[in-house]
Amino acid sequence: MESKVVSDFLKIYNRKEGELLLPEQLEAKGVFSGEKEFIEFAERDYNTDKHWSFEIKKAECALLVIDMQEDFINPSHSMCVPEAYRMVSRIKNVIEECRDLNVPVIYTAHTIAEDCSAGFYEYWEPIKNGAIKEGTPGADIYSGIYPLPNERVIRAKHAYCSFAGTDLDYVLRNLGVKTLIISGTLTNFCCESTARTGYFLNYNIVFGEDINATDNALAHEATLRTMRRGFARVLKGDQITDILKNGDLIYKSAVEERDGLKQR
């Protein structure tokens, strides 16, 4: 009997079971034998937190608060993301903990204007109609988590990625940051794009499971799975703040468990 993982794979790719590669065609000794086991292996890997990949050190961290703007958070605005609105208290707690611990908090604001609209007007009708328009109140940071006067806000952000055409990388390197804590909205657009580029720039990436939000649960989960498998450590907001305050016990435990398995 096929597992749900295999049957879902066949359905999505419009394949028949007989098309899957056999053990004599596809094998990694000790890992999988045949395409059915390969599919199961990949599924497990997408759901495996690789907390042994790097240690989170408070002195090397910065919190990125991505695009938590009035137009995305305020329920009365046309581009409101309800889950982003509902997670404000969680992200606010992480912001305040970082401030208390002297971990830099850096905000971004996605803004669009006629001369930097690229294809956004074609993809997003609310943006064409004035949402997140550069210089408008709706494009400003949400009032409930507004930056302090000394906190950097990347306002000339005209793309999904917070690094594209901005001074974010320069600011981070000047601060000696090596690990980025990603929070904000939308999970699968600006947050994921920023996390990917940060990883490509050799930053360690911590991706907040419940301090990122988007407008579709499946899309949110897909990003978490991709981050978990090959880009980031995925952690909840309270886990992140606990690590910043008390040290990365999750990392140490994961390393011990991994090393113990290797010795068996």
Protein backbone atom coordinates (compact mmCIF):
# COMPACT_ATOMS: atom_id res chain seq x y z
CA MET A 1 0.00 0.00 0.00
CA GLU A 2 1.34 3.42 -0.98
CA SER A 3 2.03 5.96 1.71
CA LYS A 4 0.22 9.30 1.51
CA VAL A 5 3.54 11.00 0.70
CA VAL A 6 4.06 8.77 -2.33
CA SER A 7 0.43 8.98 -3.48
CA ASP A 8 0.51 12.80 -3.19
CA PHE A 9 3.75 12.86 -5.20
CA LEU A 10 2.18 10.74 -7.95
CA LYS A 11 -0.92 12.92 -8.05
CA ILE A 12 0.92 16.25 -8.18
CA TYR A 13 3.38 15.12 -10.86
CA ASN A 14 0.69 13.14 -12.74
CA ARG A 15 2.76 9.95 -12.56
CA LYS A 16 1.84 6.30 -12.24
CA GLU A 17 3.50 4.04 -9.70
CA GLY A 18 5.12 2.02 -12.49
CA GLU A 19 7.04 5.08 -13.64
CA LEU A 20 8.99 5.38 -10.38
CA LEU A 21 12.61 4.32 -10.49
CA LEU A 22 13.40 0.91 -9.03
CA PRO A 23 16.08 0.13 -6.41
CA GLU A 24 18.51 -1.06 -9.09
CA GLN A 25 18.12 2.33 -10.81
CA LEU A 26 18.19 4.69 -7.84
CA GLU A 27 20.02 4.01 -4.61
CA ALA A 28 22.04 5.72 -1.92
CA LYS A 29 23.30 2.99 0.35
CA GLY A 30 21.95 3.25 3.86
CA VAL A 31 19.66 6.15 2.90
CA PHE A 32 17.16 5.02 0.28
CA SER A 33 16.67 2.29 -2.28
CA GLY A 34 14.32 3.07 -5.14
CA GLU A 35 12.27 6.17 -5.81
CA LYS A 36 9.54 5.35 -3.28
CA GLU A 37 12.08 5.42 -0.47
CA PHE A 38 13.67 8.51 -2.03
CA ILE A 39 10.33 10.35 -1.85
CA GLU A 40 9.93 9.31 1.80
CA PHE A 41 13.51 10.38 2.55
CA ALA A 42 12.97 13.83 1.04
CA GLU A 43 9.74 14.27 2.99
CA ARG A 44 11.51 13.48 6.27
CA ASP A 45 14.29 15.91 5.40
CA TYR A 46 11.84 18.75 4.76
CA ASN A 47 10.52 18.15 8.27
CA THR A 48 13.86 17.78 10.01
CA ASP A 49 15.15 20.77 11.98
CA LYS A 50 18.91 20.98 11.47
CA HIS A 51 19.60 22.77 14.72
CA TRP A 52 23.18 21.48 14.68
CA SER A 53 24.00 23.65 11.63
CA PHE A 54 25.21 26.70 13.61
CA GLU A 55 25.09 28.13 17.11
CA ILE A 56 23.04 31.27 17.73
CA LYS A 57 25.24 33.76 19.59
CA LYS A 58 23.56 36.90 20.92
CA ALA A 59 26.53 39.15 20.15
CA GLU A 60 26.37 38.16 16.46
CA CYS A 61 22.61 38.57 15.92
CA ALA A 62 20.29 41.18 14.48
CA LEU A 63 16.50 41.03 14.23
CA LEU A 64 14.99 41.97 10.87
CA VAL A 65 11.37 43.15 11.05
CA ILE A 66 10.29 42.93 7.44
CA ASP A 67 7.49 45.07 6.02
CA MET A 68 5.31 45.24 9.12
CA GLN A 69 3.59 48.31 7.66
CA GLU A 70 0.17 49.87 8.13
CA ASP A 71 -1.06 48.68 4.74
CA PHE A 72 -0.10 45.07 5.56
CA ILE A 73 -1.12 45.01 9.24
CA ASN A 74 -4.04 47.38 9.78
CA PRO A 75 -7.32 45.49 9.14
CA SER A 76 -8.90 48.60 7.61
CA HIS A 77 -6.30 48.67 4.81
CA SER A 78 -6.67 46.92 1.47
CA MET A 79 -3.57 44.70 1.69
CA CYS A 80 -4.01 43.60 5.31
CA VAL A 81 -2.65 40.13 6.08
CA PRO A 82 -4.84 38.90 8.96
CA GLU A 83 -2.24 36.47 10.31
CA ALA A 84 0.33 39.28 10.36
CA TYR A 85 -2.13 41.38 12.36
CA ARG A 86 -2.68 38.49 14.77
CA MET A 87 1.03 37.90 15.33
CA VAL A 88 1.80 41.51 16.35
CA SER A 89 1.96 40.67 20.06
CA ARG A 90 4.46 37.84 19.41
CA ILE A 91 6.71 39.89 17.19
CA LYS A 92 6.47 42.83 19.60
CA ASN A 93 7.70 40.58 22.40
CA VAL A 94 10.73 39.53 20.34
CA ILE A 95 11.46 43.16 19.45
CA GLU A 96 11.33 44.23 23.09
CA GLU A 97 13.51 41.33 24.23
CA CYS A 98 16.08 42.19 21.58
CA ARG A 99 16.10 45.82 22.68
CA ASP A 100 16.65 44.77 26.31
CA LEU A 101 19.52 42.49 25.22
CA ASN A 102 21.13 45.08 22.92
CA VAL A 103 20.46 42.96 19.84
CA PRO A 104 20.04 45.38 16.90
CA VAL A 105 16.50 45.67 15.54
CA ILE A 106 16.32 46.67 11.88
CA TYR A 107 13.07 47.40 10.08
CA THR A 108 12.27 47.37 6.38
CA ALA A 109 9.42 49.08 4.56
CA HIS A 110 8.41 47.94 1.08
CA THR A 111 7.51 51.07 -0.89
CA ILE A 112 6.50 51.56 -4.51
CA ALA A 113 6.34 54.64 -6.73
CA GLU A 114 5.85 55.25 -10.43
CA ASP A 115 9.57 55.28 -11.19
CA CYS A 116 10.33 52.07 -9.25
CA SER A 117 7.20 49.98 -9.77
CA ALA A 118 8.77 47.24 -11.94
CA GLY A 119 5.99 44.67 -12.47
CA PHE A 120 4.20 45.24 -9.16
CA TYR A 121 1.25 47.08 -10.70
CA GLU A 122 0.55 44.08 -12.93
CA TYR A 123 0.71 41.50 -10.14
CA TRP A 124 -0.89 43.44 -7.28
CA GLU A 125 -4.06 45.45 -7.93
CA PRO A 126 -4.02 47.12 -4.46
CA ILE A 127 -0.49 48.42 -5.11
CA LYS A 128 -1.61 49.82 -8.46
CA ASN A 129 -4.39 51.57 -6.55
CA GLY A 130 -1.97 53.17 -4.06
CA ALA A 131 -1.16 50.62 -1.35
CA ILE A 132 2.40 50.90 0.09
CA LYS A 133 2.93 53.98 -2.07
CA GLU A 134 6.17 55.72 -1.21
CA GLY A 135 5.65 58.57 1.23
CA THR A 136 2.10 57.65 2.26
CA PRO A 137 0.95 56.86 5.82
CA GLY A 138 0.02 53.33 4.75
CA ALA A 139 3.61 52.59 3.78
CA ASP A 140 4.91 53.53 7.23
CA ILE A 141 5.71 50.98 9.95
CA TYR A 142 2.69 49.75 11.89
CA SER A 143 2.07 51.98 14.90
CA GLY A 144 1.92 49.06 17.34
CA ILE A 145 5.57 48.15 16.79
CA TYR A 146 7.04 51.46 15.65
CA PRO A 147 10.86 51.75 15.58
CA LEU A 148 12.75 53.70 18.19
CA PRO A 149 14.53 56.85 16.93
CA ASN A 150 17.92 55.08 16.96
CA GLU A 151 16.73 52.00 15.04
CA ARG A 152 17.57 51.64 11.36
CA VAL A 153 14.66 51.56 8.91
CA ILE A 154 15.37 50.48 5.34
CA ARG A 155 12.78 52.61 3.54
CA ALA A 156 14.20 52.56 0.00
CA LYS A 157 13.09 48.94 -0.48
CA HIS A 158 11.36 48.50 -3.81
CA ALA A 159 11.60 44.72 -4.24
CA TYR A 160 10.68 41.60 -2.28
CA CYS A 161 14.25 41.06 -1.11
CA SER A 162 15.40 43.44 1.63
CA PHE A 163 18.95 43.38 0.24
CA ALA A 164 18.06 44.30 -3.35
CA GLY A 165 19.18 47.86 -4.01
CA THR A 166 19.39 48.75 -0.30
CA ASP A 167 22.18 49.37 2.21
CA LEU A 168 21.11 46.48 4.47
CA ASP A 169 24.20 44.35 3.90
CA TYR A 170 26.45 47.36 4.54
CA VAL A 171 24.63 48.15 7.80
CA LEU A 172 24.78 44.54 9.01
CA ARG A 173 28.47 44.14 8.28
CA ASN A 174 29.22 47.45 9.97
CA LEU A 175 27.46 46.09 13.09
CA GLY A 176 29.43 42.84 12.94
CA VAL A 177 26.27 40.79 12.42
CA LYS A 178 26.67 37.16 11.37
CA THR A 179 23.22 35.78 12.19
CA LEU A 180 19.93 37.22 10.93
CA ILE A 181 16.64 36.57 12.72
CA ILE A 182 13.92 36.88 10.09
CA SER A 183 10.45 38.10 11.05
CA GLY A 184 7.63 39.91 9.26
CA THR A 185 5.34 39.57 6.28
CA LEU A 186 4.76 38.05 3.78
CA THR A 187 6.43 34.77 4.66
CA ASN A 188 6.74 33.49 1.09
CA PHE A 189 7.60 36.78 -0.61
CA CYS A 190 9.69 39.40 1.20
CA CYS A 191 10.66 37.26 4.20
CA GLU A 192 11.70 34.22 2.17
CA SER A 193 13.46 36.35 -0.46
CA THR A 194 15.45 38.15 2.25
CA ALA A 195 16.33 34.88 4.01
CA ARG A 196 17.57 33.32 0.77
CA THR A 197 19.75 36.29 -0.15
CA GLY A 198 21.07 36.52 3.40
CA TYR A 199 22.07 32.87 3.20
CA PHE A 200 23.77 33.47 -0.16
CA LEU A 201 25.72 36.33 1.48
CA ASN A 202 26.97 33.87 4.13
CA TYR A 203 24.80 35.00 7.02
CA ASN A 204 23.39 32.36 9.35
CA ILE A 205 19.60 32.48 9.06
CA VAL A 206 17.06 32.01 11.85
CA PHE A 207 13.54 31.97 10.45
CA GLY A 208 10.70 32.63 12.87
CA GLU A 209 7.99 30.00 12.56
CA ASP A 210 5.29 32.06 14.29
CA ILE A 211 6.71 35.57 13.77
CA ASN A 212 6.39 35.41 10.00
CA ALA A 213 2.97 35.38 8.36
CA THR A 214 1.35 35.34 4.94
CA ASP A 215 -2.08 35.12 3.33
CA ASN A 216 -2.09 31.38 2.67
CA ALA A 217 -1.37 28.59 5.15
CA LEU A 218 0.02 26.19 2.54
CA ALA A 219 2.36 28.86 1.20
CA HIS A 220 3.57 29.60 4.74
CA GLU A 221 4.22 25.93 5.39
CA ALA A 222 6.00 25.50 2.05
CA THR A 223 8.43 28.27 2.95
CA LEU A 224 9.09 26.78 6.39
CA ARG A 225 9.81 23.40 4.79
CA THR A 226 12.25 24.89 2.30
CA MET A 227 13.96 27.02 4.96
CA ARG A 228 14.24 24.02 7.27
CA ARG A 229 15.75 21.75 4.65
CA GLY A 230 18.48 23.96 3.28
CA PHE A 231 18.53 27.60 4.44
CA ALA A 232 17.73 28.23 8.07
CA ARG A 233 17.04 27.13 11.58
CA VAL A 234 13.28 27.39 12.04
CA LEU A 235 12.28 28.41 15.56
CA LYS A 236 9.30 29.95 17.34
CA GLY A 237 9.57 33.44 18.76
CA ASP A 238 9.75 32.32 22.39
CA GLN A 239 12.48 29.81 21.53
CA ILE A 240 14.49 32.58 19.88
CA THR A 241 14.22 34.91 22.87
CA ASP A 242 15.09 32.09 25.27
CA ILE A 243 18.24 31.33 23.27
CA LEU A 244 19.24 35.00 23.22
CA LYS A 245 18.83 35.19 27.01
CA ASN A 246 20.12 31.80 28.10
CA GLY A 247 22.33 30.43 25.36
CA ASP A 248 21.68 27.98 22.55
CA LEU A 249 20.91 24.75 24.39
CA ILE A 250 18.93 23.49 21.40
CA TYR A 251 22.07 23.64 19.28
CA LYS A 252 24.15 21.83 21.88
CA SER A 253 21.55 19.11 22.30
CA ALA A 254 21.25 18.64 18.53
CA VAL A 255 25.02 18.33 18.12
CA GLU A 256 25.23 15.76 20.91
CA GLU A 257 22.36 13.75 19.41
CA ARG A 258 23.84 13.85 15.91
CA ASP A 259 27.31 12.85 17.11
CA GLY A 260 25.81 10.06 19.20
CA LEU A 261 23.98 8.66 16.18
CA LYS A 262 27.17 8.77 14.10
CA GLN A 263 29.04 6.73 16.71
CA ARG A 264 26.48 3.90 16.69
